[in-house]
N, C-alpha and C. Protein backbone atom coordinates (compact mmCIF):
# COMPACT_ATOMS: atom_id res chain seq x y z
N MET A 1 22.64 33.78 10.45
CA MET A 1 21.31 33.99 9.96
C MET A 1 21.09 33.46 8.54
N PRO A 2 22.09 33.54 7.65
CA PRO A 2 21.87 33.05 6.29
C PRO A 2 21.42 31.59 6.28
N THR A 3 21.89 30.79 7.21
CA THR A 3 21.49 29.39 7.25
C THR A 3 20.00 29.27 7.50
N ASN A 4 19.48 30.06 8.45
CA ASN A 4 18.05 30.03 8.73
C ASN A 4 17.24 30.52 7.54
N THR A 5 17.74 31.55 6.84
CA THR A 5 17.07 32.06 5.66
C THR A 5 17.06 31.00 4.57
N ASN A 6 18.21 30.34 4.37
CA ASN A 6 18.28 29.27 3.37
C ASN A 6 17.35 28.12 3.74
N GLN A 7 17.33 27.78 5.02
CA GLN A 7 16.47 26.69 5.48
C GLN A 7 15.01 27.06 5.29
N ALA A 8 14.66 28.29 5.59
CA ALA A 8 13.27 28.74 5.42
C ALA A 8 12.88 28.71 3.95
N GLN A 9 13.79 29.18 3.09
CA GLN A 9 13.51 29.16 1.65
C GLN A 9 13.38 27.72 1.15
N THR A 10 14.22 26.84 1.65
CA THR A 10 14.15 25.43 1.27
C THR A 10 12.80 24.84 1.69
N ILE A 11 12.36 25.16 2.89
CA ILE A 11 11.06 24.67 3.36
C ILE A 11 9.94 25.19 2.49
N VAL A 12 9.99 26.47 2.14
CA VAL A 12 8.97 27.05 1.27
C VAL A 12 8.98 26.35 -0.09
N ASN A 13 10.17 26.12 -0.64
CA ASN A 13 10.28 25.42 -1.92
C ASN A 13 9.71 24.01 -1.84
N ILE A 14 10.03 23.31 -0.76
CA ILE A 14 9.53 21.94 -0.60
C ILE A 14 8.01 21.95 -0.46
N GLU A 15 7.49 22.91 0.32
CA GLU A 15 6.03 23.01 0.47
C GLU A 15 5.38 23.25 -0.89
N SER A 16 5.99 24.10 -1.69
CA SER A 16 5.46 24.38 -3.03
C SER A 16 5.47 23.10 -3.89
N LEU A 17 6.55 22.36 -3.82
CA LEU A 17 6.63 21.09 -4.57
C LEU A 17 5.58 20.09 -4.08
N ILE A 18 5.40 20.03 -2.77
CA ILE A 18 4.39 19.13 -2.21
C ILE A 18 3.01 19.51 -2.73
N GLN A 19 2.70 20.81 -2.69
CA GLN A 19 1.39 21.28 -3.14
C GLN A 19 1.17 21.00 -4.63
N SER A 20 2.18 21.28 -5.43
CA SER A 20 2.02 21.07 -6.87
C SER A 20 1.89 19.58 -7.20
N HIS A 21 2.67 18.76 -6.54
CA HIS A 21 2.58 17.32 -6.79
C HIS A 21 1.26 16.75 -6.28
N ASN A 22 0.80 17.24 -5.15
CA ASN A 22 -0.47 16.77 -4.62
C ASN A 22 -1.62 17.18 -5.53
N SER A 23 -1.56 18.41 -6.07
CA SER A 23 -2.58 18.87 -7.02
C SER A 23 -2.56 18.00 -8.28
N ARG A 24 -1.37 17.71 -8.77
CA ARG A 24 -1.24 16.87 -9.97
C ARG A 24 -1.76 15.46 -9.69
N LEU A 25 -1.49 14.96 -8.51
CA LEU A 25 -1.98 13.64 -8.11
C LEU A 25 -3.51 13.63 -8.08
N ASP A 26 -4.11 14.68 -7.52
CA ASP A 26 -5.57 14.79 -7.49
C ASP A 26 -6.14 14.84 -8.90
N LEU A 27 -5.52 15.64 -9.77
CA LEU A 27 -5.99 15.77 -11.15
C LEU A 27 -5.88 14.44 -11.90
N LEU A 28 -4.73 13.78 -11.78
CA LEU A 28 -4.55 12.50 -12.46
C LEU A 28 -5.52 11.45 -11.92
N THR A 29 -5.77 11.46 -10.64
CA THR A 29 -6.73 10.52 -10.05
C THR A 29 -8.11 10.74 -10.64
N LYS A 30 -8.52 12.01 -10.77
CA LYS A 30 -9.82 12.34 -11.35
C LYS A 30 -9.88 11.87 -12.81
N GLU A 31 -8.84 12.17 -13.58
CA GLU A 31 -8.81 11.77 -14.98
C GLU A 31 -8.80 10.24 -15.12
N TYR A 32 -8.05 9.59 -14.25
CA TYR A 32 -8.00 8.13 -14.25
C TYR A 32 -9.41 7.56 -14.04
N ARG A 33 -10.12 8.09 -13.04
CA ARG A 33 -11.46 7.58 -12.74
C ARG A 33 -12.41 7.81 -13.90
N GLU A 34 -12.30 8.97 -14.54
CA GLU A 34 -13.16 9.27 -15.69
C GLU A 34 -12.90 8.28 -16.83
N HIS A 35 -11.63 8.06 -17.14
CA HIS A 35 -11.29 7.14 -18.23
C HIS A 35 -11.65 5.70 -17.87
N LYS A 36 -11.47 5.34 -16.63
CA LYS A 36 -11.83 3.99 -16.18
C LYS A 36 -13.33 3.79 -16.33
N SER A 37 -14.10 4.82 -15.98
CA SER A 37 -15.55 4.76 -16.12
C SER A 37 -15.96 4.60 -17.59
N MET A 38 -15.30 5.34 -18.49
CA MET A 38 -15.60 5.22 -19.91
C MET A 38 -15.29 3.81 -20.42
N LEU A 39 -14.15 3.26 -19.99
CA LEU A 39 -13.79 1.90 -20.40
C LEU A 39 -14.79 0.89 -19.85
N ASP A 40 -15.18 1.05 -18.59
CA ASP A 40 -16.18 0.16 -18.00
C ASP A 40 -17.49 0.21 -18.78
N ASN A 41 -17.88 1.41 -19.23
CA ASN A 41 -19.10 1.55 -20.03
C ASN A 41 -18.99 0.80 -21.35
N ILE A 42 -17.83 0.88 -21.99
CA ILE A 42 -17.62 0.15 -23.25
C ILE A 42 -17.76 -1.34 -23.00
N LEU A 43 -17.11 -1.83 -21.94
CA LEU A 43 -17.16 -3.26 -21.65
C LEU A 43 -18.57 -3.70 -21.27
N ASN A 44 -19.24 -2.91 -20.46
CA ASN A 44 -20.57 -3.30 -19.97
C ASN A 44 -21.66 -3.16 -21.01
N ASN A 45 -21.35 -2.54 -22.13
CA ASN A 45 -22.33 -2.42 -23.22
C ASN A 45 -22.06 -3.42 -24.35
N ASN A 46 -21.19 -4.40 -24.09
CA ASN A 46 -20.88 -5.41 -25.09
C ASN A 46 -21.45 -6.75 -24.63
N ASP A 47 -22.38 -7.30 -25.43
CA ASP A 47 -23.06 -8.54 -25.04
C ASP A 47 -22.10 -9.72 -24.89
N ASP A 48 -21.13 -9.84 -25.82
CA ASP A 48 -20.17 -10.95 -25.73
C ASP A 48 -19.37 -10.87 -24.43
N TYR A 49 -18.91 -9.68 -24.11
CA TYR A 49 -18.13 -9.50 -22.88
C TYR A 49 -18.99 -9.81 -21.65
N LEU A 50 -20.22 -9.32 -21.65
CA LEU A 50 -21.10 -9.55 -20.51
C LEU A 50 -21.38 -11.04 -20.30
N LYS A 51 -21.54 -11.80 -21.40
CA LYS A 51 -21.79 -13.24 -21.28
C LYS A 51 -20.57 -13.95 -20.69
N VAL A 52 -19.39 -13.62 -21.21
CA VAL A 52 -18.17 -14.23 -20.70
C VAL A 52 -17.97 -13.85 -19.23
N SER A 53 -18.24 -12.60 -18.92
CA SER A 53 -18.10 -12.13 -17.54
C SER A 53 -19.04 -12.90 -16.61
N GLU A 54 -20.26 -13.13 -17.05
CA GLU A 54 -21.22 -13.89 -16.24
C GLU A 54 -20.76 -15.33 -16.06
N ASP A 55 -20.22 -15.92 -17.13
CA ASP A 55 -19.70 -17.30 -17.02
C ASP A 55 -18.55 -17.37 -16.01
N VAL A 56 -17.71 -16.36 -16.04
CA VAL A 56 -16.58 -16.31 -15.10
C VAL A 56 -17.09 -16.19 -13.67
N LYS A 57 -18.12 -15.37 -13.47
CA LYS A 57 -18.69 -15.21 -12.13
C LYS A 57 -19.24 -16.54 -11.63
N LYS A 58 -19.92 -17.28 -12.51
CA LYS A 58 -20.46 -18.59 -12.11
C LYS A 58 -19.34 -19.55 -11.75
N SER A 59 -18.27 -19.54 -12.55
CA SER A 59 -17.12 -20.40 -12.26
C SER A 59 -16.45 -20.01 -10.95
N ALA A 60 -16.36 -18.72 -10.70
CA ALA A 60 -15.75 -18.24 -9.46
C ALA A 60 -16.59 -18.67 -8.27
N LYS A 61 -17.91 -18.65 -8.43
CA LYS A 61 -18.79 -19.07 -7.34
C LYS A 61 -18.60 -20.56 -7.07
N ILE A 62 -18.50 -21.36 -8.11
CA ILE A 62 -18.26 -22.79 -7.96
C ILE A 62 -16.92 -23.04 -7.28
N LYS A 63 -15.91 -22.29 -7.69
CA LYS A 63 -14.59 -22.41 -7.08
C LYS A 63 -14.65 -22.04 -5.60
N SER A 64 -15.37 -20.97 -5.29
CA SER A 64 -15.48 -20.51 -3.91
C SER A 64 -16.16 -21.56 -3.04
N ILE A 65 -17.20 -22.18 -3.56
CA ILE A 65 -17.90 -23.24 -2.82
C ILE A 65 -16.96 -24.41 -2.56
N ALA A 66 -16.21 -24.81 -3.59
CA ALA A 66 -15.25 -25.92 -3.43
C ALA A 66 -14.18 -25.56 -2.42
N LYS A 67 -13.71 -24.32 -2.44
CA LYS A 67 -12.68 -23.88 -1.50
C LYS A 67 -13.21 -23.90 -0.08
N GLN A 68 -14.42 -23.39 0.12
CA GLN A 68 -15.01 -23.38 1.46
C GLN A 68 -15.20 -24.80 1.99
N LYS A 69 -15.56 -25.71 1.11
CA LYS A 69 -15.72 -27.11 1.52
C LYS A 69 -14.38 -27.67 2.01
N LEU A 70 -13.32 -27.38 1.28
CA LEU A 70 -11.99 -27.85 1.69
C LEU A 70 -11.52 -27.18 2.96
N LEU A 71 -11.81 -25.88 3.09
CA LEU A 71 -11.37 -25.15 4.28
C LEU A 71 -12.14 -25.55 5.54
N SER A 72 -13.26 -26.21 5.36
CA SER A 72 -14.02 -26.66 6.53
C SER A 72 -13.43 -27.92 7.15
N GLN A 73 -12.47 -28.52 6.47
CA GLN A 73 -11.79 -29.69 7.04
C GLN A 73 -10.90 -29.24 8.20
N PRO A 74 -10.81 -30.05 9.25
CA PRO A 74 -10.04 -29.65 10.44
C PRO A 74 -8.58 -29.26 10.15
N GLU A 75 -7.91 -30.04 9.31
CA GLU A 75 -6.50 -29.74 9.01
C GLU A 75 -6.37 -28.37 8.33
N ALA A 76 -7.26 -28.10 7.37
CA ALA A 76 -7.22 -26.81 6.67
C ALA A 76 -7.55 -25.68 7.64
N GLY A 77 -8.50 -25.89 8.53
CA GLY A 77 -8.87 -24.87 9.51
C GLY A 77 -7.71 -24.50 10.41
N ARG A 78 -6.95 -25.52 10.83
CA ARG A 78 -5.78 -25.26 11.66
C ARG A 78 -4.74 -24.45 10.89
N LEU A 79 -4.56 -24.79 9.61
CA LEU A 79 -3.59 -24.05 8.79
C LEU A 79 -4.03 -22.60 8.59
N VAL A 80 -5.32 -22.40 8.37
CA VAL A 80 -5.83 -21.04 8.20
C VAL A 80 -5.57 -20.22 9.46
N GLU A 81 -5.83 -20.79 10.61
CA GLU A 81 -5.58 -20.09 11.88
C GLU A 81 -4.09 -19.79 12.05
N LYS A 82 -3.25 -20.76 11.71
CA LYS A 82 -1.81 -20.56 11.83
C LYS A 82 -1.35 -19.44 10.90
N ILE A 83 -1.88 -19.42 9.70
CA ILE A 83 -1.52 -18.37 8.73
C ILE A 83 -1.95 -17.00 9.25
N LYS A 84 -3.16 -16.92 9.84
CA LYS A 84 -3.62 -15.65 10.42
C LYS A 84 -2.70 -15.21 11.55
N ASP A 85 -2.26 -16.17 12.37
CA ASP A 85 -1.33 -15.85 13.45
C ASP A 85 -0.02 -15.30 12.90
N TYR A 86 0.49 -15.96 11.84
CA TYR A 86 1.73 -15.49 11.22
C TYR A 86 1.55 -14.07 10.67
N GLN A 87 0.42 -13.82 9.99
CA GLN A 87 0.18 -12.50 9.42
C GLN A 87 0.12 -11.44 10.50
N SER A 88 -0.55 -11.74 11.60
CA SER A 88 -0.65 -10.81 12.71
C SER A 88 0.73 -10.53 13.31
N GLU A 89 1.49 -11.58 13.53
CA GLU A 89 2.83 -11.41 14.11
C GLU A 89 3.74 -10.64 13.17
N LEU A 90 3.65 -10.93 11.87
CA LEU A 90 4.46 -10.20 10.89
C LEU A 90 4.13 -8.71 10.92
N LYS A 91 2.84 -8.40 10.99
CA LYS A 91 2.42 -7.01 11.03
C LYS A 91 2.96 -6.31 12.28
N GLU A 92 2.85 -6.96 13.43
CA GLU A 92 3.34 -6.39 14.68
C GLU A 92 4.86 -6.19 14.63
N LEU A 93 5.58 -7.18 14.08
CA LEU A 93 7.03 -7.07 13.98
C LEU A 93 7.45 -5.93 13.06
N LYS A 94 6.73 -5.76 11.96
CA LYS A 94 7.05 -4.68 11.02
C LYS A 94 6.84 -3.31 11.66
N VAL A 95 5.75 -3.17 12.41
CA VAL A 95 5.50 -1.89 13.09
C VAL A 95 6.59 -1.62 14.12
N ALA A 96 6.94 -2.65 14.91
CA ALA A 96 7.98 -2.49 15.94
C ALA A 96 9.32 -2.17 15.29
N LEU A 97 9.65 -2.88 14.20
CA LEU A 97 10.92 -2.65 13.51
C LEU A 97 10.97 -1.22 12.99
N SER A 98 9.87 -0.74 12.44
CA SER A 98 9.81 0.64 11.95
C SER A 98 10.08 1.62 13.08
N ASP A 99 9.47 1.38 14.23
CA ASP A 99 9.70 2.25 15.38
C ASP A 99 11.17 2.21 15.82
N TYR A 100 11.73 1.01 15.89
CA TYR A 100 13.13 0.88 16.30
C TYR A 100 14.08 1.55 15.32
N LEU A 101 13.79 1.41 14.02
CA LEU A 101 14.62 2.05 13.01
C LEU A 101 14.56 3.56 13.13
N SER A 102 13.37 4.08 13.38
CA SER A 102 13.21 5.52 13.55
C SER A 102 14.01 6.02 14.75
N GLN A 103 13.94 5.28 15.83
CA GLN A 103 14.71 5.63 17.03
C GLN A 103 16.21 5.56 16.74
N TYR A 104 16.62 4.54 16.01
CA TYR A 104 18.04 4.35 15.68
C TYR A 104 18.56 5.54 14.88
N VAL A 105 17.77 5.96 13.87
CA VAL A 105 18.18 7.10 13.03
C VAL A 105 18.27 8.36 13.88
N THR A 106 17.28 8.57 14.74
CA THR A 106 17.26 9.76 15.58
C THR A 106 18.46 9.79 16.53
N LEU A 107 18.74 8.66 17.15
CA LEU A 107 19.80 8.61 18.16
C LEU A 107 21.20 8.56 17.55
N SER A 108 21.34 7.80 16.46
CA SER A 108 22.69 7.61 15.90
C SER A 108 23.02 8.62 14.81
N GLY A 109 21.99 9.16 14.17
CA GLY A 109 22.23 10.06 13.04
C GLY A 109 22.60 9.30 11.77
N GLN A 110 22.53 7.99 11.82
CA GLN A 110 22.86 7.14 10.67
C GLN A 110 21.59 6.64 10.00
N ASN A 111 21.61 6.52 8.67
CA ASN A 111 20.46 5.95 7.97
C ASN A 111 20.82 4.60 7.34
N GLN A 112 21.87 3.99 7.85
CA GLN A 112 22.28 2.66 7.42
C GLN A 112 22.61 1.84 8.65
N ILE A 113 22.43 0.52 8.51
CA ILE A 113 22.74 -0.38 9.61
C ILE A 113 23.25 -1.69 9.02
N GLU A 114 24.24 -2.24 9.66
CA GLU A 114 24.80 -3.51 9.20
C GLU A 114 24.10 -4.65 9.93
N GLY A 115 23.62 -5.61 9.16
CA GLY A 115 22.94 -6.76 9.75
C GLY A 115 23.92 -7.80 10.22
N PRO A 116 23.43 -8.81 10.93
CA PRO A 116 24.29 -9.88 11.42
C PRO A 116 24.95 -10.67 10.29
N ASP A 117 24.38 -10.56 9.09
CA ASP A 117 24.95 -11.25 7.93
C ASP A 117 26.03 -10.43 7.25
N GLY A 118 26.34 -9.24 7.79
CA GLY A 118 27.39 -8.39 7.24
C GLY A 118 26.91 -7.47 6.13
N VAL A 119 25.65 -7.57 5.75
CA VAL A 119 25.11 -6.75 4.68
C VAL A 119 24.64 -5.42 5.27
N VAL A 120 25.07 -4.33 4.64
CA VAL A 120 24.65 -2.99 5.07
C VAL A 120 23.33 -2.67 4.38
N ARG A 121 22.36 -2.25 5.19
CA ARG A 121 21.04 -1.92 4.66
C ARG A 121 20.76 -0.45 4.95
N GLN A 122 20.09 0.19 3.99
CA GLN A 122 19.72 1.59 4.16
C GLN A 122 18.33 1.66 4.76
N ILE A 123 18.12 2.60 5.65
CA ILE A 123 16.82 2.82 6.28
C ILE A 123 16.09 3.85 5.43
N VAL A 124 14.92 3.48 4.91
CA VAL A 124 14.13 4.37 4.06
C VAL A 124 12.73 4.51 4.65
N TYR A 125 12.11 5.62 4.32
CA TYR A 125 10.76 5.91 4.81
C TYR A 125 9.85 6.14 3.62
N THR A 126 8.57 5.83 3.82
CA THR A 126 7.55 6.12 2.82
C THR A 126 6.54 7.04 3.49
N ALA A 127 6.29 8.16 2.86
CA ALA A 127 5.34 9.12 3.42
C ALA A 127 4.26 9.41 2.41
N LYS A 128 3.08 9.77 2.90
CA LYS A 128 1.99 10.17 2.01
C LYS A 128 1.15 11.20 2.74
N LEU A 129 0.35 11.95 1.98
CA LEU A 129 -0.53 12.97 2.55
C LEU A 129 -1.90 12.35 2.83
N VAL A 130 -2.44 12.62 4.01
CA VAL A 130 -3.75 12.15 4.39
C VAL A 130 -4.53 13.36 4.90
N LYS A 131 -5.76 13.51 4.41
CA LYS A 131 -6.57 14.65 4.83
C LYS A 131 -6.92 14.52 6.30
N ILE A 132 -6.94 15.65 6.99
CA ILE A 132 -7.31 15.69 8.40
C ILE A 132 -8.73 16.25 8.48
N GLY A 133 -9.60 15.54 9.17
CA GLY A 133 -10.97 16.02 9.36
C GLY A 133 -11.77 15.98 8.07
N LYS A 134 -12.86 16.70 8.08
CA LYS A 134 -13.80 16.81 6.96
C LYS A 134 -13.79 15.59 6.13
């Protein structure tokens, strides 16, 4: 029974850490947004900055038009499609690899795997909290 009690206490401690870190994350996010807004106000109330910003927007628009003109060429269009195909396949492979790694860890109990190149790699996970509903 002590193991279950220790495990339960560990879970409670971890939940407490999760809650405190999530609260701190929420607070820092709020403070970040407030300070970002104040900085944006300073920048947007400066005539020199606004003029330079407008010039940059015009240049970006000219660049975008030139880019679209080049991308309308058949060779560029084929490359764009090929790149989209690669991106899609990479995404699918990453999802599948993640699933296979999860299965490997569950079945083998190991969090490392040796590749065909002889290099041992550690299997790591990234988790985050996402609100459910509302």
